[in-house]
Structure formats: structure tokens, C-alpha cells
């Protein structure tokens, strides 16, 4: 898709340096990917905060002992 926008040249240069991109298109696309990834990571962090964990150190040790040992080859 072709779009015309005005960009702050200083911001563009800073973004290119930070992202390691050479072109405007590459910089805009990398910026969009970064924003999307950041949002996904935030959603994951928010979800992790809602998982109820009732693990005491003793209970965690018992869970570790329940694991089957791995066979070395």
C-alpha cells in the first residue's frame, strides 16, 4: 500500500539508528513490528499476573521430585 506522510526527520534518523534500518519503508515497518511485539508482551505479562499460583518452596520441591529422570544417551 502506498501512503504519503510527513515525518520528523530527526525522529526518523533516530529510529533508523536504533533499529539498524536504511530505508524509510524499512524503518516504518520495523517500528510497527516493534509496537505490535511490545503490545503482545504486555498482554502476556498482564495474563501472567492473573494466573493463581499457590506454590510454597516446599510444594515446589515436591513437584520437582515428581518429575521422571531423563535418560542420558
PDB file of N, CA and C in Angstrom:
ATOM      1  N   UNK A   1       0.853  -1.168   0.000  1.00  0.00           N
ATOM      2  CA  UNK A   1       0.000   0.000   0.000  1.00  0.00           C
ATOM      3  C   UNK A   1       0.900   1.233   0.000  1.00  0.00           C
ATOM      4  N   UNK A   2       0.554   2.170  -0.819  1.00  0.00           N
ATOM      5  CA  UNK A   2       1.332   3.397  -0.917  1.00  0.00           C
ATOM      6  C   UNK A   2       0.612   4.499  -0.147  1.00  0.00           C
ATOM      7  N   UNK A   3       1.365   5.177   0.754  1.00  0.00           N
ATOM      8  CA  UNK A   3       0.804   6.236   1.577  1.00  0.00           C
ATOM      9  C   UNK A   3       1.811   7.378   1.667  1.00  0.00           C
ATOM     10  N   UNK A   4       1.313   8.590   1.655  1.00  0.00           N
ATOM     11  CA  UNK A   4       2.178   9.755   1.796  1.00  0.00           C
ATOM     12  C   UNK A   4       1.969  10.351   3.180  1.00  0.00           C
ATOM     13  N   UNK A   5       3.080  10.507   3.926  1.00  0.00           N
ATOM     14  CA  UNK A   5       3.010  11.115   5.256  1.00  0.00           C
ATOM     15  C   UNK A   5       4.212  12.022   5.459  1.00  0.00           C
ATOM     16  N   UNK A   6       4.062  12.976   6.348  1.00  0.00           N
ATOM     17  CA  UNK A   6       5.188  13.819   6.735  1.00  0.00           C
ATOM     18  C   UNK A   6       5.812  13.231   7.981  1.00  0.00           C
ATOM     19  N   UNK A   7       7.135  13.093   7.951  1.00  0.00           N
ATOM     20  CA  UNK A   7       7.851  12.533   9.092  1.00  0.00           C
ATOM     21  C   UNK A   7       8.846  13.541   9.631  1.00  0.00           C
ATOM     22  N   UNK A   8       8.993  13.555  10.933  1.00  0.00           N
ATOM     23  CA  UNK A   8      10.023  14.360  11.574  1.00  0.00           C
ATOM     24  C   UNK A   8      11.363  13.697  11.235  1.00  0.00           C
ATOM     25  N   UNK A   9      12.216  14.411  10.504  1.00  0.00           N
ATOM     26  CA  UNK A   9      13.479  13.838  10.037  1.00  0.00           C
ATOM     27  C   UNK A   9      14.394  13.423  11.184  1.00  0.00           C
ATOM     28  N   UNK A  10      14.366  14.169  12.274  1.00  0.00           N
ATOM     29  CA  UNK A  10      15.179  13.830  13.435  1.00  0.00           C
ATOM     30  C   UNK A  10      14.720  12.503  14.043  1.00  0.00           C
ATOM     31  N   UNK A  11      13.387  12.352  14.196  1.00  0.00           N
ATOM     32  CA  UNK A  11      12.847  11.093  14.720  1.00  0.00           C
ATOM     33  C   UNK A  11      13.174   9.935  13.790  1.00  0.00           C
ATOM     34  N   UNK A  12      13.064  10.174  12.487  1.00  0.00           N
ATOM     35  CA  UNK A  12      13.364   9.125  11.504  1.00  0.00           C
ATOM     36  C   UNK A  12      14.820   8.679  11.621  1.00  0.00           C
ATOM     37  N   UNK A  13      15.746   9.622  11.697  1.00  0.00           N
ATOM     38  CA  UNK A  13      17.168   9.271  11.823  1.00  0.00           C
ATOM     39  C   UNK A  13      17.437   8.503  13.118  1.00  0.00           C
ATOM     40  N   UNK A  14      16.822   8.939  14.216  1.00  0.00           N
ATOM     41  CA  UNK A  14      16.997   8.242  15.491  1.00  0.00           C
ATOM     42  C   UNK A  14      16.447   6.816  15.418  1.00  0.00           C
ATOM     43  N   UNK A  15      15.278   6.672  14.810  1.00  0.00           N
ATOM     44  CA  UNK A  15      14.667   5.346  14.674  1.00  0.00           C
ATOM     45  C   UNK A  15      15.532   4.456  13.795  1.00  0.00           C
ATOM     46  N   UNK A  16      16.058   5.003  12.692  1.00  0.00           N
ATOM     47  CA  UNK A  16      16.913   4.205  11.805  1.00  0.00           C
ATOM     48  C   UNK A  16      18.169   3.741  12.536  1.00  0.00           C
ATOM     49  N   UNK A  17      18.737   4.615  13.329  1.00  0.00           N
ATOM     50  CA  UNK A  17      19.940   4.254  14.083  1.00  0.00           C
ATOM     51  C   UNK A  17      19.607   3.171  15.112  1.00  0.00           C
ATOM     52  N   UNK A  18      18.505   3.340  15.818  1.00  0.00           N
ATOM     53  CA  UNK A  18      18.106   2.391  16.852  1.00  0.00           C
ATOM     54  C   UNK A  18      17.749   1.032  16.260  1.00  0.00           C
ATOM     55  N   UNK A  19      17.009   1.041  15.160  1.00  0.00           N
ATOM     56  CA  UNK A  19      16.526  -0.201  14.551  1.00  0.00           C
ATOM     57  C   UNK A  19      17.525  -0.819  13.576  1.00  0.00           C
ATOM     58  N   UNK A  20      18.525  -0.049  13.163  1.00  0.00           N
ATOM     59  CA  UNK A  20      19.504  -0.555  12.208  1.00  0.00           C
ATOM     60  C   UNK A  20      18.937  -0.674  10.811  1.00  0.00           C
ATOM     61  N   UNK A  21      18.046   0.239  10.448  1.00  0.00           N
ATOM     62  CA  UNK A  21      17.433   0.203   9.123  1.00  0.00           C
ATOM     63  C   UNK A  21      18.008   1.310   8.250  1.00  0.00           C
ATOM     64  N   UNK A  22      17.890   1.111   6.924  1.00  0.00           N
ATOM     65  CA  UNK A  22      18.453   2.084   5.983  1.00  0.00           C
ATOM     66  C   UNK A  22      17.393   2.902   5.262  1.00  0.00           C
ATOM     67  N   UNK A  23      16.218   2.321   5.092  1.00  0.00           N
ATOM     68  CA  UNK A  23      15.189   2.985   4.300  1.00  0.00           C
ATOM     69  C   UNK A  23      14.038   3.450   5.185  1.00  0.00           C
ATOM     70  N   UNK A  24      13.267   4.381   4.651  1.00  0.00           N
ATOM     71  CA  UNK A  24      12.094   4.860   5.382  1.00  0.00           C
ATOM     72  C   UNK A  24      11.104   3.718   5.538  1.00  0.00           C
ATOM     73  N   UNK A  25      10.864   2.979   4.445  1.00  0.00           N
ATOM     74  CA  UNK A  25       9.922   1.867   4.495  1.00  0.00           C
ATOM     75  C   UNK A  25      10.369   0.836   5.533  1.00  0.00           C
ATOM     76  N   UNK A  26      11.636   0.490   5.527  1.00  0.00           N
ATOM     77  CA  UNK A  26      12.161  -0.482   6.485  1.00  0.00           C
ATOM     78  C   UNK A  26      12.020   0.001   7.916  1.00  0.00           C
ATOM     79  N   UNK A  27      12.235   1.288   8.114  1.00  0.00           N
ATOM     80  CA  UNK A  27      12.132   1.865   9.452  1.00  0.00           C
ATOM     81  C   UNK A  27      10.692   1.861   9.944  1.00  0.00           C
ATOM     82  N   UNK A  28       9.768   2.250   9.070  1.00  0.00           N
ATOM     83  CA  UNK A  28       8.353   2.273   9.460  1.00  0.00           C
ATOM     84  C   UNK A  28       7.874   0.857   9.754  1.00  0.00           C
ATOM     85  N   UNK A  29       8.232  -0.110   8.900  1.00  0.00           N
ATOM     86  CA  UNK A  29       7.804  -1.492   9.118  1.00  0.00           C
ATOM     87  C   UNK A  29       8.411  -2.071  10.393  1.00  0.00           C
ATOM     88  N   UNK A  30       9.687  -1.825  10.635  1.00  0.00           N
ATOM     89  CA  UNK A  30      10.331  -2.311  11.860  1.00  0.00           C
ATOM     90  C   UNK A  30       9.700  -1.659  13.089  1.00  0.00           C
ATOM     91  N   UNK A  31       9.356  -0.389  12.972  1.00  0.00           N
ATOM     92  CA  UNK A  31       8.706   0.310  14.082  1.00  0.00           C
ATOM     93  C   UNK A  31       7.343  -0.299  14.383  1.00  0.00           C
ATOM     94  N   UNK A  32       6.573  -0.585  13.340  1.00  0.00           N
ATOM     95  CA  UNK A  32       5.258  -1.193  13.527  1.00  0.00           C
ATOM     96  C   UNK A  32       5.385  -2.578  14.165  1.00  0.00           C
ATOM     97  N   UNK A  33       6.357  -3.370  13.693  1.00  0.00           N
ATOM     98  CA  UNK A  33       6.570  -4.704  14.283  1.00  0.00           C
ATOM     99  C   UNK A  33       6.939  -4.586  15.758  1.00  0.00           C
ATOM    100  N   UNK A  34       7.770  -3.607  16.083  1.00  0.00           N
ATOM    101  CA  UNK A  34       8.199  -3.401  17.467  1.00  0.00           C
ATOM    102  C   UNK A  34       7.018  -3.026  18.349  1.00  0.00           C
ATOM    103  N   UNK A  35       6.153  -2.152  17.851  1.00  0.00           N
ATOM    104  CA  UNK A  35       4.973  -1.747  18.625  1.00  0.00           C
ATOM    105  C   UNK A  35       4.043  -2.932  18.843  1.00  0.00           C
ATOM    106  N   UNK A  36       3.848  -3.745  17.810  1.00  0.00           N
ATOM    107  CA  UNK A  36       2.983  -4.929  17.929  1.00  0.00           C
ATOM    108  C   UNK A  36       3.567  -5.910  18.932  1.00  0.00           C
ATOM    109  N   UNK A  37       4.868  -6.176  18.825  1.00  0.00           N
ATOM    110  CA  UNK A  37       5.522  -7.104  19.749  1.00  0.00           C
ATOM    111  C   UNK A  37       5.421  -6.594  21.189  1.00  0.00           C
ATOM    112  N   UNK A  38       5.605  -5.321  21.365  1.00  0.00           N
ATOM    113  CA  UNK A  38       5.518  -4.724  22.703  1.00  0.00           C
ATOM    114  C   UNK A  38       4.117  -4.921  23.290  1.00  0.00           C
ATOM    115  N   UNK A  39       3.101  -4.723  22.455  1.00  0.00           N
ATOM    116  CA  UNK A  39       1.727  -4.928  22.902  1.00  0.00           C
ATOM    117  C   UNK A  39       1.463  -6.378  23.269  1.00  0.00           C
ATOM    118  N   UNK A  40       1.995  -7.298  22.456  1.00  0.00           N
ATOM    119  CA  UNK A  40       1.812  -8.725  22.745  1.00  0.00           C
ATOM    120  C   UNK A  40       2.509  -9.116  24.040  1.00  0.00           C
ATOM    121  N   UNK A  41       3.702  -8.598  24.267  1.00  0.00           N
ATOM    122  CA  UNK A  41       4.419  -8.882  25.510  1.00  0.00           C
ATOM    123  C   UNK A  41       3.664  -8.327  26.713  1.00  0.00           C
ATOM    124  N   UNK A  42       3.066  -7.152  26.548  1.00  0.00           N
ATOM    125  CA  UNK A  42       2.290  -6.571  27.644  1.00  0.00           C
ATOM    126  C   UNK A  42       1.068  -7.422  27.942  1.00  0.00           C
ATOM    127  N   UNK A  43       0.404  -7.931  26.889  1.00  0.00           N
ATOM    128  CA  UNK A  43      -0.752  -8.807  27.089  1.00  0.00           C
ATOM    129  C   UNK A  43      -0.341 -10.071  27.831  1.00  0.00           C
ATOM    130  N   UNK A  44       0.801 -10.623  27.473  1.00  0.00           N
ATOM    131  CA  UNK A  44       1.300 -11.814  28.147  1.00  0.00           C
ATOM    132  C   UNK A  44       1.609 -11.519  29.610  1.00  0.00           C
ATOM    133  N   UNK A  45       2.273 -10.406  29.851  1.00  0.00           N
ATOM    134  CA  UNK A  45       2.589 -10.033  31.232  1.00  0.00           C
ATOM    135  C   UNK A  45       1.317  -9.818  32.046  1.00  0.00           C
ATOM    136  N   UNK A  46       0.320  -9.204  31.437  1.00  0.00           N
ATOM    137  CA  UNK A  46      -0.952  -8.994  32.130  1.00  0.00           C
ATOM    138  C   UNK A  46      -1.626 -10.329  32.432  1.00  0.00           C
ATOM    139  N   UNK A  47      -1.560 -11.268  31.488  1.00  0.00           N
ATOM    140  CA  UNK A  47      -2.182 -12.581  31.687  1.00  0.00           C
ATOM    141  C   UNK A  47      -1.458 -13.358  32.782  1.00  0.00           C
ATOM    142  N   UNK A  48      -0.142 -13.275  32.814  1.00  0.00           N
ATOM    143  CA  UNK A  48       0.614 -13.995  33.828  1.00  0.00           C
ATOM    144  C   UNK A  48       0.271 -13.503  35.225  1.00  0.00           C
ATOM    145  N   UNK A  49      -0.076 -12.257  35.325  1.00  0.00           N
ATOM    146  CA  UNK A  49      -0.445 -11.715  36.619  1.00  0.00           C
ATOM    147  C   UNK A  49      -1.783 -12.224  37.116  1.00  0.00           C
ATOM    148  N   UNK A  50      -2.553 -12.891  36.244  1.00  0.00           N
ATOM    149  CA  UNK A  50      -3.877 -13.352  36.641  1.00  0.00           C
ATOM    150  C   UNK A  50      -3.940 -14.858  36.878  1.00  0.00           C
ATOM    151  N   UNK A  51      -2.821 -15.553  36.677  1.00  0.00           N
ATOM    152  CA  UNK A  51      -2.796 -16.995  36.899  1.00  0.00           C
ATOM    153  C   UNK A  51      -2.560 -17.238  38.384  1.00  0.00           C
ATOM    154  N   UNK A  52      -3.516 -17.872  39.076  1.00  0.00           N
ATOM    155  CA  UNK A  52      -3.332 -18.097  40.505  1.00  0.00           C
ATOM    156  C   UNK A  52      -2.302 -19.210  40.764  1.00  0.00           C
ATOM    157  N   UNK A  53      -1.267 -18.892  41.471  1.00  0.00           N
ATOM    158  CA  UNK A  53      -0.242 -19.870  41.826  1.00  0.00           C
ATOM    159  C   UNK A  53      -0.166 -19.958  43.343  1.00  0.00           C
ATOM    160  N   UNK A  54      -0.361 -21.160  43.840  1.00  0.00           N
ATOM    161  CA  UNK A  54      -0.287 -21.376  45.278  1.00  0.00           C
ATOM    162  C   UNK A  54       0.899 -22.300  45.538  1.00  0.00           C
ATOM    163  N   UNK A  55       2.100 -21.784  45.280  1.00  0.00           N
ATOM    164  CA  UNK A  55       3.299 -22.595  45.428  1.00  0.00           C
ATOM    165  C   UNK A  55       4.152 -22.062  46.571  1.00  0.00           C
ATOM    166  N   UNK A  56       4.371 -22.913  47.526  1.00  0.00           N
ATOM    167  CA  UNK A  56       5.318 -22.608  48.586  1.00  0.00           C
ATOM    168  C   UNK A  56       6.633 -23.265  48.190  1.00  0.00           C
ATOM    169  N   UNK A  57       7.729 -22.876  48.775  1.00  0.00           N
ATOM    170  CA  UNK A  57       9.003 -23.527  48.442  1.00  0.00           C
ATOM    171  C   UNK A  57       8.942 -25.049  48.646  1.00  0.00           C
ATOM    172  N   UNK A  58       8.268 -25.496  49.701  1.00  0.00           N
ATOM    173  CA  UNK A  58       8.160 -26.934  49.958  1.00  0.00           C
ATOM    174  C   UNK A  58       7.350 -27.632  48.862  1.00  0.00           C
ATOM    175  N   UNK A  59       6.250 -27.045  48.475  1.00  0.00           N
ATOM    176  CA  UNK A  59       5.409 -27.630  47.426  1.00  0.00           C
ATOM    177  C   UNK A  59       6.161 -27.669  46.093  1.00  0.00           C
ATOM    178  N   UNK A  60       6.924 -26.645  45.808  1.00  0.00           N
ATOM    179  CA  UNK A  60       7.713 -26.603  44.584  1.00  0.00           C
ATOM    180  C   UNK A  60       8.764 -27.711  44.583  1.00  0.00           C
ATOM    181  N   UNK A  61       9.425 -27.942  45.731  1.00  0.00           N
ATOM    182  CA  UNK A  61      10.402 -29.027  45.829  1.00  0.00           C
ATOM    183  C   UNK A  61       9.741 -30.377  45.571  1.00  0.00           C
ATOM    184  N   UNK A  62       8.560 -30.582  46.132  1.00  0.00           N
ATOM    185  CA  UNK A  62       7.851 -31.850  45.921  1.00  0.00           C
ATOM    186  C   UNK A  62       7.481 -32.040  44.454  1.00  0.00           C
ATOM    187  N   UNK A  63       7.098 -30.959  43.785  1.00  0.00           N
ATOM    188  CA  UNK A  63       6.769 -31.046  42.364  1.00  0.00           C
ATOM    189  C   UNK A  63       7.995 -31.446  41.551  1.00  0.00           C
ATOM    190  N   UNK A  64       9.144 -30.919  41.903  1.00  0.00           N
ATOM    191  CA  UNK A  64      10.381 -31.253  41.193  1.00  0.00           C
ATOM    192  C   UNK A  64      10.724 -32.730  41.357  1.00  0.00           C
ATOM    193  N   UNK A  65      10.487 -33.278  42.537  1.00  0.00           N
ATOM    194  CA  UNK A  65      10.803 -34.684  42.789  1.00  0.00           C
ATOM    195  C   UNK A  65       9.863 -35.626  42.042  1.00  0.00           C
ATOM    196  N   UNK A  66       8.680 -35.168  41.667  1.00  0.00           N
ATOM    197  CA  UNK A  66       7.731 -35.990  40.943  1.00  0.00           C
ATOM    198  C   UNK A  66       8.128 -36.214  39.489  1.00  0.00           C
ATOM    199  N   UNK A  67       8.985 -35.365  38.962  1.00  0.00           N
ATOM    200  CA  UNK A  67       9.411 -35.486  37.568  1.00  0.00           C
ATOM    201  C   UNK A  67      10.165 -36.792  37.356  1.00  0.00           C
ATOM    202  N   UNK A  68       9.992 -37.355  36.184  1.00  0.00           N
ATOM    203  CA  UNK A  68      10.738 -38.580  35.864  1.00  0.00           C
ATOM    204  C   UNK A  68      12.134 -38.171  35.412  1.00  0.00           C
ATOM    205  N   UNK A  69      13.129 -38.905  35.865  1.00  0.00           N
ATOM    206  CA  UNK A  69      14.501 -38.551  35.471  1.00  0.00           C
ATOM    207  C   UNK A  69      14.717 -38.781  33.977  1.00  0.00           C
ATOM    208  N   UNK A  70      15.509 -37.944  33.380  1.00  0.00           N
ATOM    209  CA  UNK A  70      15.823 -38.098  31.954  1.00  0.00           C
ATOM    210  C   UNK A  70      16.923 -39.119  31.778  1.00  0.00           C
ATOM    211  N   UNK A  71      16.806 -39.871  30.735  1.00  0.00           N
ATOM    212  CA  UNK A  71      17.808 -40.893  30.430  1.00  0.00           C
ATOM    213  C   UNK A  71      18.877 -40.248  29.578  1.00  0.00           C
ATOM    214  N   UNK A  72      20.129 -40.319  30.020  1.00  0.00           N
ATOM    215  CA  UNK A  72      21.218 -39.760  29.228  1.00  0.00           C
ATOM    216  C   UNK A  72      21.655 -40.778  28.192  1.00  0.00           C
ATOM    217  N   UNK A  73      22.023 -40.285  27.059  1.00  0.00           N
ATOM    218  CA  UNK A  73      22.442 -41.172  25.951  1.00  0.00           C
ATOM    219  C   UNK A  73      23.919 -41.155  25.740  1.00  0.00           C
TER     220      UNK A  73
END
